[in-house]
């Protein structure tokens, strides 16, 4: 017990100054105030125990085998507790000697870590700022690239427009002379339009039933001399075809299957220009072949011998479907008189046509074509007045052309095929050129903004 008290007194020496007197009396005086002694043990600074005190205790007391809590327990439990405290303090001190440097190293490492984290946070902030700057630069680059691409596209578009302008100017420069001459010719033709229209309208109204020879007689020996005598202004050398058609129109008729002999071309001009429905005198079926090929499946074809043909007529009138009445005889059913004479009635906003006992809505797109196989029909004056008679009887010239075509087709089919293809292509090109010219002349004065 004395050694335990002395060991406690040595360990608790202030600032490591070990007292010289560690006797029991000195120890009792050291432990005189129990509460203060207990409080000193509780608040003992175990991390700063003086080395000399620990070494003193280890040298003088811990080596003794009797300095054992279990042995001392038999004498005093309080002394046994103090013995355990002394032993543990010394053990703690020796362990602390090993741990303290490691703690210092840990603290130093933590300090370095904190400094590194602080530096890392700064670096990360700089990286974030740089990344933001890079993002802004990339955005600026994309915007600049887009502006560049737009500028390139605009430059290419401008260059394309410039090329088109060059082509247009070069193309129109070649037409300048021709158009200038055409304008001059139109100015002259305007003053002579009355006579030209008189020739064309007379040809449509009166020349249709006759053959080529008699038509030429009417125009060249009757009408033109009479107009010259009456001093009616007209174009020198005017012909009905010049007034009634254009090269593009004639080429289109050829593509549609109209024969190219003069009589057929004149008949096409008459049928296209006439305000009345055409009645074709067509024993060789040349006219009806042309009309069928022109309209194709859109046209309805009937004969008056068909039962209840009036229903078909009504259907065509109401729906604007072209109607062909073929193989007529010398007389036409009286119920068709309003249709042949184009007798329409205005009912409010609607246009109707009386057909028998009923009224039928009239579609302005409706067209009527009449055809007879009789080579020399005798129609009543009313029919001749209500329709435009057109004589498609084949002429000697037409027969010669057809016979020549048949012979060539028989002997040299390849030449005939090539000829047909060339004629068709020529007609298509003529029609296309006419359409392009008309489109160009329409767009030039009506263009809004840049014409290119």
Protein backbone atom coordinates (compact mmCIF):
# COMPACT_ATOMS: atom_id res chain seq x y z
CA UNK A 1 0.00 0.00 0.00
CA UNK A 2 2.87 2.36 0.81
CA UNK A 3 4.41 1.71 -2.64
CA UNK A 4 1.08 2.41 -4.35
CA UNK A 5 0.70 5.70 -2.51
CA UNK A 6 4.32 6.62 -3.24
CA UNK A 7 3.89 5.76 -6.98
CA UNK A 8 0.80 7.97 -7.12
CA UNK A 9 2.72 10.77 -5.43
CA UNK A 10 5.60 10.44 -7.94
CA UNK A 11 3.30 10.47 -10.98
CA UNK A 12 1.43 13.47 -9.66
CA UNK A 13 4.58 15.46 -9.04
CA UNK A 14 4.11 18.97 -10.38
CA UNK A 15 6.28 19.68 -13.44
CA UNK A 16 8.18 16.38 -12.90
CA UNK A 17 9.79 17.52 -9.63
CA UNK A 18 9.84 14.24 -7.71
CA UNK A 19 9.72 14.85 -3.97
CA UNK A 20 12.52 13.42 -1.94
CA UNK A 21 10.18 12.27 0.83
CA UNK A 22 7.85 9.59 -0.42
CA UNK A 23 7.27 7.99 2.97
CA UNK A 24 3.86 6.93 4.22
CA UNK A 25 3.53 10.06 6.28
CA UNK A 26 4.28 12.21 3.29
CA UNK A 27 1.81 10.20 1.27
CA UNK A 28 -0.92 10.62 3.88
CA UNK A 29 -0.29 14.33 3.83
CA UNK A 30 -0.46 14.22 -0.05
CA UNK A 31 -3.76 12.38 0.12
CA UNK A 32 -5.04 14.44 3.07
CA UNK A 33 -7.98 15.85 1.17
CA UNK A 34 -9.73 12.85 -0.38
CA UNK A 35 -11.94 14.90 -2.65
CA UNK A 36 -9.05 16.97 -3.97
CA UNK A 37 -6.91 13.82 -4.44
CA UNK A 38 -9.73 12.08 -6.32
CA UNK A 39 -10.29 15.13 -8.46
CA UNK A 40 -6.55 15.32 -9.27
CA UNK A 41 -6.59 11.69 -10.38
CA UNK A 42 -9.67 12.28 -12.55
CA UNK A 43 -8.17 15.40 -14.17
CA UNK A 44 -4.69 13.93 -14.48
CA UNK A 45 -3.01 15.08 -17.70
CA UNK A 46 -2.04 11.66 -18.94
CA UNK A 47 -0.78 13.01 -22.26
CA UNK A 48 1.86 15.17 -20.54
CA UNK A 49 3.14 12.88 -17.86
CA UNK A 50 6.80 13.72 -17.12
CA UNK A 51 9.18 11.09 -18.45
CA UNK A 52 11.32 11.05 -15.30
CA UNK A 53 8.26 10.35 -13.17
CA UNK A 54 7.28 7.39 -15.31
CA UNK A 55 10.79 6.04 -15.34
CA UNK A 56 10.99 6.46 -11.54
CA UNK A 57 7.77 4.49 -11.05
CA UNK A 58 8.83 1.79 -13.49
CA UNK A 59 12.27 1.49 -11.84
CA UNK A 60 11.22 1.57 -8.21
CA UNK A 61 7.74 0.00 -8.15
CA UNK A 62 6.51 -1.78 -11.23
CA UNK A 63 9.29 -4.33 -11.23
CA UNK A 64 8.08 -5.57 -7.84
CA UNK A 65 5.93 -8.65 -8.33
CA UNK A 66 3.85 -7.65 -5.34
CA UNK A 67 2.86 -4.43 -7.14
CA UNK A 68 -0.18 -6.18 -8.51
CA UNK A 69 -3.84 -5.19 -8.14
CA UNK A 70 -4.89 -8.75 -7.46
CA UNK A 71 -2.41 -9.13 -4.59
CA UNK A 72 -3.14 -5.71 -3.16
CA UNK A 73 -6.89 -6.36 -3.41
CA UNK A 74 -6.56 -8.60 -0.37
CA UNK A 75 -5.29 -5.71 1.72
CA UNK A 76 -7.21 -2.75 0.32
CA UNK A 77 -9.55 -2.41 -2.61
CA UNK A 78 -8.82 1.34 -2.80
CA UNK A 79 -5.12 0.61 -2.97
CA UNK A 80 -5.78 -2.03 -5.65
CA UNK A 81 -7.63 0.60 -7.71
CA UNK A 82 -4.78 3.06 -7.32
CA UNK A 83 -2.35 0.27 -8.28
CA UNK A 84 -4.31 -0.33 -11.49
CA UNK A 85 -4.34 3.42 -12.17
CA UNK A 86 -0.55 3.67 -11.79
CA UNK A 87 0.07 0.63 -14.01
CA UNK A 88 -2.32 1.91 -16.70
CA UNK A 89 -0.87 5.42 -16.60
CA UNK A 90 2.60 3.99 -17.22
CA UNK A 91 1.36 1.71 -19.98
CA UNK A 92 -0.57 4.61 -21.53
CA UNK A 93 2.54 6.76 -21.41
CA UNK A 94 4.63 4.17 -23.23
CA UNK A 95 1.90 3.64 -25.83
CA UNK A 96 1.46 7.41 -26.12
CA UNK A 97 5.15 7.74 -26.85
CA UNK A 98 4.53 5.61 -29.96
CA UNK A 99 1.14 7.13 -30.84
CA UNK A 100 2.01 10.79 -30.32
CA UNK A 101 4.36 11.06 -33.31
CA UNK A 102 1.79 9.28 -35.39
CA UNK A 103 -0.85 11.69 -34.18
CA UNK A 104 1.43 14.55 -35.06
CA UNK A 105 2.02 13.03 -38.45
CA UNK A 106 -1.75 12.53 -38.80
CA UNK A 107 -2.40 16.13 -37.84
CA UNK A 108 0.28 17.26 -40.25
CA UNK A 109 -1.21 15.04 -42.96
CA UNK A 110 -4.70 16.41 -42.18
CA UNK A 111 -3.33 19.93 -42.36
CA UNK A 112 -1.72 19.17 -45.69
CA UNK A 113 -4.97 17.52 -46.84
CA UNK A 114 -6.97 20.58 -45.83
CA UNK A 115 -4.47 22.79 -47.64
CA UNK A 116 -4.61 20.50 -50.68
CA UNK A 117 -8.43 20.48 -50.57
CA UNK A 118 -8.40 24.25 -50.31
CA UNK A 119 -6.03 24.44 -53.25
CA UNK A 120 -8.10 21.82 -55.09
CA UNK A 121 -11.25 23.89 -54.51
CA UNK A 122 -9.47 26.90 -55.96
CA UNK A 123 -8.23 24.87 -58.89
CA UNK A 124 -11.71 23.42 -59.40
CA UNK A 125 -13.15 26.92 -59.34
CA UNK A 126 -10.58 27.96 -61.94
CA UNK A 127 -11.39 24.83 -64.00
CA UNK A 128 -15.11 25.63 -63.77
CA UNK A 129 -14.40 29.19 -64.87
CA UNK A 130 -12.23 27.89 -67.72
CA UNK A 131 -14.88 25.35 -68.70
CA UNK A 132 -17.49 28.10 -68.70
CA UNK A 133 -15.20 30.21 -70.82
CA UNK A 134 -14.60 27.25 -73.16
CA UNK A 135 -18.36 26.72 -73.40
CA UNK A 136 -18.84 30.40 -74.23
CA UNK A 137 -16.05 30.21 -76.79
CA UNK A 138 -17.58 27.06 -78.31
CA UNK A 139 -20.95 28.81 -78.43
CA UNK A 140 -19.32 31.80 -80.09
CA UNK A 141 -17.53 29.42 -82.48
CA UNK A 142 -20.81 27.69 -83.38
CA UNK A 143 -22.47 31.07 -83.92
CA UNK A 144 -19.51 32.24 -86.00
CA UNK A 145 -19.54 28.96 -87.95
CA UNK A 146 -23.27 29.32 -88.57
CA UNK A 147 -22.76 32.92 -89.71
CA UNK A 148 -19.95 31.71 -91.95
CA UNK A 149 -22.13 28.95 -93.42
CA UNK A 150 -24.98 31.41 -93.92
CA UNK A 151 -22.58 33.81 -95.59
CA UNK A 152 -21.26 31.02 -97.83
CA UNK A 153 -24.82 29.94 -98.66
CA UNK A 154 -25.79 33.54 -99.38
CA UNK A 155 -22.70 33.94 -101.55
CA UNK A 156 -23.51 30.73 -103.42
CA UNK A 157 -27.12 31.83 -103.82
CA UNK A 158 -25.99 35.22 -105.05
CA UNK A 159 -23.56 33.58 -107.47
CA UNK A 160 -26.32 31.26 -108.68
CA UNK A 161 -28.57 34.29 -109.17
CA UNK A 162 -25.78 36.05 -110.99
CA UNK A 163 -25.32 33.02 -113.25
CA UNK A 164 -29.07 32.85 -113.86
CA UNK A 165 -29.10 36.57 -114.53
CA UNK A 166 -26.30 36.16 -117.06
CA UNK A 167 -28.15 33.31 -118.71
CA UNK A 168 -31.39 35.29 -118.70
CA UNK A 169 -29.76 38.40 -120.08
CA UNK A 170 -27.88 36.43 -122.72
CA UNK A 171 -31.02 34.49 -123.60
CA UNK A 172 -33.20 37.57 -123.76
CA UNK A 173 -30.61 39.48 -125.74
CA UNK A 174 -31.07 36.96 -128.52
CA UNK A 175 -34.84 37.45 -128.33
CA UNK A 176 -34.59 41.22 -128.20
CA UNK A 177 -34.52 41.66 -131.94
CA UNK A 178 -37.28 39.12 -132.58
CA UNK A 179 -39.51 40.55 -129.86
CA UNK A 180 -38.86 44.06 -131.10
CA UNK A 181 -39.90 43.03 -134.59
CA UNK A 182 -42.92 41.21 -133.12
CA UNK A 183 -43.98 44.35 -131.22
CA UNK A 184 -43.70 46.36 -134.40
CA UNK A 185 -45.68 43.70 -136.25
CA UNK A 186 -48.34 43.70 -133.52
CA UNK A 187 -48.63 47.46 -133.81
CA UNK A 188 -49.19 47.12 -137.54
CA UNK A 189 -51.53 44.13 -137.05
CA UNK A 190 -53.63 46.05 -134.55
CA UNK A 191 -54.58 48.54 -137.23
CA UNK A 192 -55.50 45.67 -139.56
CA UNK A 193 -57.19 43.50 -136.96
CA UNK A 194 -60.69 44.18 -138.26
CA UNK A 195 -60.05 42.65 -141.67
CA UNK A 196 -58.06 39.71 -140.25
CA UNK A 197 -60.81 38.85 -137.79
CA UNK A 198 -63.40 39.19 -140.55
CA UNK A 199 -61.52 36.63 -142.65
CA UNK A 200 -61.16 34.23 -139.70
CA UNK A 201 -64.76 34.52 -138.48
CA UNK A 202 -66.12 34.15 -142.03
CA UNK A 203 -64.02 31.03 -142.51
CA UNK A 204 -65.32 29.50 -139.27
CA UNK A 205 -68.93 30.38 -140.04
CA UNK A 206 -69.19 29.44 -143.71
CA UNK A 207 -66.23 27.40 -144.99
CA UNK A 208 -66.60 24.35 -142.76
CA UNK A 209 -68.92 22.22 -144.98
CA UNK A 210 -66.76 22.59 -148.11
CA UNK A 211 -63.64 20.87 -149.40
CA UNK A 212 -60.21 22.46 -149.77
CA UNK A 213 -60.71 23.64 -153.33
CA UNK A 214 -63.94 25.47 -152.62
CA UNK A 215 -62.55 26.96 -149.39
CA UNK A 216 -59.62 28.42 -151.33
CA UNK A 217 -62.07 29.76 -153.90
CA UNK A 218 -64.14 31.49 -151.21
CA UNK A 219 -61.14 33.06 -149.51
CA UNK A 220 -58.93 34.00 -152.43
CA UNK A 221 -61.45 34.80 -155.15
CA UNK A 222 -64.46 36.06 -153.24
CA UNK A 223 -63.73 37.44 -149.78
CA UNK A 224 -60.27 38.94 -150.12
CA UNK A 225 -60.96 40.78 -153.42
CA UNK A 226 -64.22 42.11 -151.99
CA UNK A 227 -62.46 43.35 -148.83
CA UNK A 228 -59.75 45.01 -150.91
CA UNK A 229 -62.40 46.65 -153.03
CA UNK A 230 -64.17 47.92 -149.91
CA UNK A 231 -60.78 49.09 -148.52
CA UNK A 232 -61.16 47.12 -145.32
CA UNK A 233 -57.75 47.15 -143.57
CA UNK A 234 -56.16 43.70 -143.34
CA UNK A 235 -52.75 42.06 -143.28
CA UNK A 236 -51.25 41.42 -146.71
CA UNK A 237 -51.42 37.72 -147.57
CA UNK A 238 -53.55 36.89 -144.54
CA UNK A 239 -54.86 33.31 -144.30
CA UNK A 240 -57.57 31.95 -141.98
CA UNK A 241 -55.07 29.65 -140.28
CA UNK A 242 -52.87 32.62 -139.36
CA UNK A 243 -55.81 34.18 -137.54
CA UNK A 244 -57.35 31.07 -135.99
CA UNK A 245 -54.28 29.16 -134.79
CA UNK A 246 -50.64 29.28 -133.84
CA UNK A 247 -47.78 26.88 -134.65
CA UNK A 248 -47.98 25.57 -131.08
CA UNK A 249 -51.70 24.82 -131.42
CA UNK A 250 -51.18 23.02 -134.74
CA UNK A 251 -48.33 20.98 -133.28
CA UNK A 252 -50.57 20.03 -130.36
CA UNK A 253 -53.30 18.83 -132.72
CA UNK A 254 -50.76 16.68 -134.55
CA UNK A 255 -49.69 15.09 -131.26
CA UNK A 256 -53.33 14.39 -130.44
CA UNK A 257 -53.74 12.48 -133.73
CA UNK A 258 -55.16 15.03 -136.17
CA UNK A 259 -53.86 14.40 -139.73
CA UNK A 260 -51.42 17.02 -140.95
CA UNK A 261 -52.95 17.70 -144.38
CA UNK A 262 -54.22 21.28 -144.92
CA UNK A 263 -57.93 20.33 -144.81
CA UNK A 264 -57.59 18.59 -141.44
CA UNK A 265 -55.58 21.47 -139.96
CA UNK A 266 -58.25 23.93 -141.14
CA UNK A 267 -60.95 21.71 -139.61
CA UNK A 268 -59.06 21.67 -136.30
CA UNK A 269 -58.89 25.47 -136.37
CA UNK A 270 -62.61 25.74 -137.13
CA UNK A 271 -63.63 23.34 -134.34
CA UNK A 272 -61.34 25.04 -131.84
CA UNK A 273 -62.53 28.56 -132.64
CA UNK A 274 -66.26 28.00 -133.24
CA UNK A 275 -68.74 29.02 -130.55
CA UNK A 276 -71.27 26.45 -131.81
CA UNK A 277 -70.95 22.69 -131.37
CA UNK A 278 -69.21 20.95 -134.25
CA UNK A 279 -71.00 18.47 -136.51
CA UNK A 280 -68.32 16.47 -138.30
CA UNK A 281 -68.99 15.05 -141.77
CA UNK A 282 -66.55 12.21 -141.28
CA UNK A 283 -67.02 9.11 -143.48
CA UNK A 284 -63.37 8.03 -143.05
CA UNK A 285 -63.52 8.52 -139.22
CA UNK A 286 -60.51 10.83 -139.19
CA UNK A 287 -62.17 13.54 -137.10
CA UNK A 288 -63.72 11.22 -134.53
CA UNK A 289 -60.37 9.45 -134.13
CA UNK A 290 -58.74 12.77 -133.30
CA UNK A 291 -61.41 13.75 -130.77
CA UNK A 292 -61.32 10.32 -129.09
CA UNK A 293 -57.55 10.48 -128.76
CA UNK A 294 -57.73 14.05 -127.48
CA UNK A 295 -60.11 13.31 -124.58
CA UNK A 296 -59.36 9.62 -124.03
CA UNK A 297 -61.43 7.90 -121.35
CA UNK A 298 -62.88 11.23 -120.17
CA UNK A 299 -65.26 11.31 -123.14
CA UNK A 300 -68.59 9.46 -123.32
CA UNK A 301 -69.59 8.15 -126.75
CA UNK A 302 -73.19 7.25 -127.60
CA UNK A 303 -75.46 6.69 -130.59
CA UNK A 304 -79.06 7.82 -130.89
CA UNK A 305 -80.06 4.18 -131.38
CA UNK A 306 -79.02 3.41 -127.80
CA UNK A 307 -81.99 2.86 -125.45
CA UNK A 308 -82.54 5.67 -122.96
CA UNK A 309 -79.58 7.66 -124.30
CA UNK A 310 -81.12 10.81 -122.78
CA UNK A 311 -79.93 9.66 -119.35
CA UNK A 312 -76.35 9.63 -120.62
CA UNK A 313 -76.79 13.10 -122.10
CA UNK A 314 -78.15 14.44 -118.80
CA UNK A 315 -75.26 12.87 -116.88
CA UNK A 316 -72.68 14.49 -119.17
CA UNK A 317 -74.36 17.91 -119.02
CA UNK A 318 -74.56 17.88 -115.21
CA UNK A 319 -70.98 16.70 -114.67
CA UNK A 320 -69.19 18.57 -117.46
CA UNK A 321 -68.19 15.39 -119.32
CA UNK A 322 -67.37 15.68 -123.07
CA UNK A 323 -70.02 13.87 -125.13
CA UNK A 324 -69.69 12.41 -128.61
CA UNK A 325 -72.87 11.46 -130.50
CA UNK A 326 -71.62 9.37 -133.41
CA UNK A 327 -73.10 7.90 -136.56
CA UNK A 328 -75.86 10.50 -136.99
CA UNK A 329 -78.31 10.26 -139.87
CA UNK A 330 -79.93 13.11 -141.81
CA UNK A 331 -82.08 14.08 -138.84
CA UNK A 332 -81.44 14.71 -135.15
CA UNK A 333 -83.91 13.89 -132.39
CA UNK A 334 -85.91 17.02 -131.55
CA UNK A 335 -85.40 16.46 -127.82
CA UNK A 336 -81.73 17.34 -128.38
CA UNK A 337 -82.49 20.73 -129.93
CA UNK A 338 -81.79 22.68 -126.68
CA UNK A 339 -78.47 20.85 -126.31
CA UNK A 340 -77.43 21.36 -129.93
CA UNK A 341 -78.49 25.03 -129.83
CA UNK A 342 -76.88 25.57 -126.38
CA UNK A 343 -80.13 26.99 -125.03
CA UNK A 344 -79.50 27.62 -121.32
CA UNK A 345 -81.70 29.32 -118.71
CA UNK A 346 -80.56 31.33 -115.66
CA UNK A 347 -82.18 30.12 -112.41
CA UNK A 348 -80.81 32.33 -109.65
CA UNK A 349 -77.13 31.48 -109.46
CA UNK A 350 -77.53 28.26 -111.42
CA UNK A 351 -77.57 27.70 -115.15
CA UNK A 352 -79.99 25.00 -116.34
CA UNK A 353 -80.88 23.44 -119.67
CA UNK A 354 -84.32 22.15 -120.54
CA UNK A 355 -84.12 18.59 -121.82
CA UNK A 356 -87.51 17.12 -122.63
CA UNK A 357 -89.82 17.68 -119.66
CA UNK A 358 -87.00 18.16 -117.11
CA UNK A 359 -84.43 20.82 -116.38
CA UNK A 360 -80.80 19.77 -115.97
CA UNK A 361 -78.03 21.73 -114.22
CA UNK A 362 -75.57 22.88 -116.86
CA UNK A 363 -71.83 22.51 -116.22
CA UNK A 364 -69.77 25.03 -118.28
CA UNK A 365 -67.15 22.33 -118.89
CA UNK A 366 -69.62 20.29 -120.94
CA UNK A 367 -68.68 19.83 -124.61
CA UNK A 368 -70.72 18.21 -127.40
CA UNK A 369 -69.36 16.70 -130.61
CA UNK A 370 -71.60 15.36 -133.39
CA UNK A 371 -70.39 12.99 -136.10
CA UNK A 372 -71.92 11.43 -139.18
CA UNK A 373 -70.53 8.86 -141.58
CA UNK A 374 -72.65 10.23 -144.44
CA UNK A 375 -70.41 11.77 -147.07
CA UNK A 376 -73.12 14.14 -148.36
CA UNK A 377 -75.79 14.57 -145.64
CA UNK A 378 -78.81 16.81 -146.08
CA UNK A 379 -79.57 18.53 -142.77
CA UNK A 380 -82.34 20.99 -142.14
CA UNK A 381 -81.35 24.67 -142.17
CA UNK A 382 -82.01 24.83 -138.42
CA UNK A 383 -79.31 22.24 -137.74
CA UNK A 384 -76.87 23.98 -140.06
CA UNK A 385 -77.54 27.23 -138.21
CA UNK A 386 -77.25 25.71 -134.73
CA UNK A 387 -74.02 23.77 -135.38
CA UNK A 388 -70.73 24.28 -137.16
CA UNK A 389 -70.56 21.82 -140.03
CA UNK A 390 -67.02 20.56 -140.58
CA UNK A 391 -66.14 18.48 -143.63
CA UNK A 392 -63.55 15.79 -142.79
CA UNK A 393 -63.96 13.94 -146.08
CA UNK A 394 -60.48 12.87 -147.04
CA UNK A 395 -58.90 14.77 -149.93
CA UNK A 396 -56.72 13.46 -152.72
CA UNK A 397 -53.69 14.98 -151.00
CA UNK A 398 -54.68 13.32 -147.74
CA UNK A 399 -55.12 9.97 -149.46
CA UNK A 400 -51.71 10.33 -151.09
CA UNK A 401 -50.09 11.03 -147.72
CA UNK A 402 -51.87 8.10 -146.07
CA UNK A 403 -51.03 5.73 -148.94
CA UNK A 404 -47.40 6.84 -148.85
CA UNK A 405 -47.30 6.26 -145.10
CA UNK A 406 -48.74 2.76 -145.53
CA UNK A 407 -46.25 1.87 -148.28
CA UNK A 408 -43.30 3.14 -146.24
CA UNK A 409 -44.58 1.33 -143.16
CA UNK A 410 -44.84 -1.89 -145.18
CA UNK A 411 -41.49 -1.63 -146.92
CA UNK A 412 -39.40 0.19 -144.28
CA UNK A 413 -41.15 0.08 -140.94
CA UNK A 414 -38.09 1.53 -139.22
CA UNK A 415 -38.15 4.66 -141.40
CA UNK A 416 -41.87 5.13 -140.84
CA UNK A 417 -41.41 4.72 -137.09
CA UNK A 418 -38.52 7.16 -137.11
CA UNK A 419 -40.55 9.63 -139.14
CA UNK A 420 -43.50 9.34 -136.75
CA UNK A 421 -41.23 9.82 -133.75
CA UNK A 422 -39.58 12.86 -135.31
CA UNK A 423 -42.93 14.42 -136.19
CA UNK A 424 -44.21 13.77 -132.67
CA UNK A 425 -41.06 15.14 -131.06
CA UNK A 426 -41.13 18.21 -133.29
CA UNK A 427 -44.72 18.85 -132.27
CA UNK A 428 -43.89 18.37 -128.59
CA UNK A 429 -40.94 20.75 -128.84
CA UNK A 430 -43.07 23.35 -130.59
CA UNK A 431 -45.74 23.10 -127.89
CA UNK A 432 -43.13 23.26 -125.16
CA UNK A 433 -41.42 26.31 -126.68
CA UNK A 434 -44.78 28.07 -126.95
CA UNK A 435 -45.61 27.30 -123.31
CA UNK A 436 -42.19 28.45 -122.14
CA UNK A 437 -42.45 31.69 -124.09
CA UNK A 438 -45.94 32.36 -122.76
CA UNK A 439 -44.82 31.57 -119.20
CA UNK A 440 -41.77 33.82 -119.52
CA UNK A 441 -43.77 36.69 -120.97
CA UNK A 442 -46.31 36.29 -118.16
CA UNK A 443 -43.73 36.19 -115.39
CA UNK A 444 -41.66 39.14 -116.61
CA UNK A 445 -44.37 41.80 -116.06
CA UNK A 446 -46.03 40.06 -113.10
CA UNK A 447 -42.96 39.16 -111.02
CA UNK A 448 -42.89 40.40 -107.41
CA UNK A 449 -39.41 41.21 -106.11
CA UNK A 450 -36.53 39.40 -107.80
CA UNK A 451 -37.56 37.46 -110.86
CA UNK A 452 -34.67 35.05 -110.33
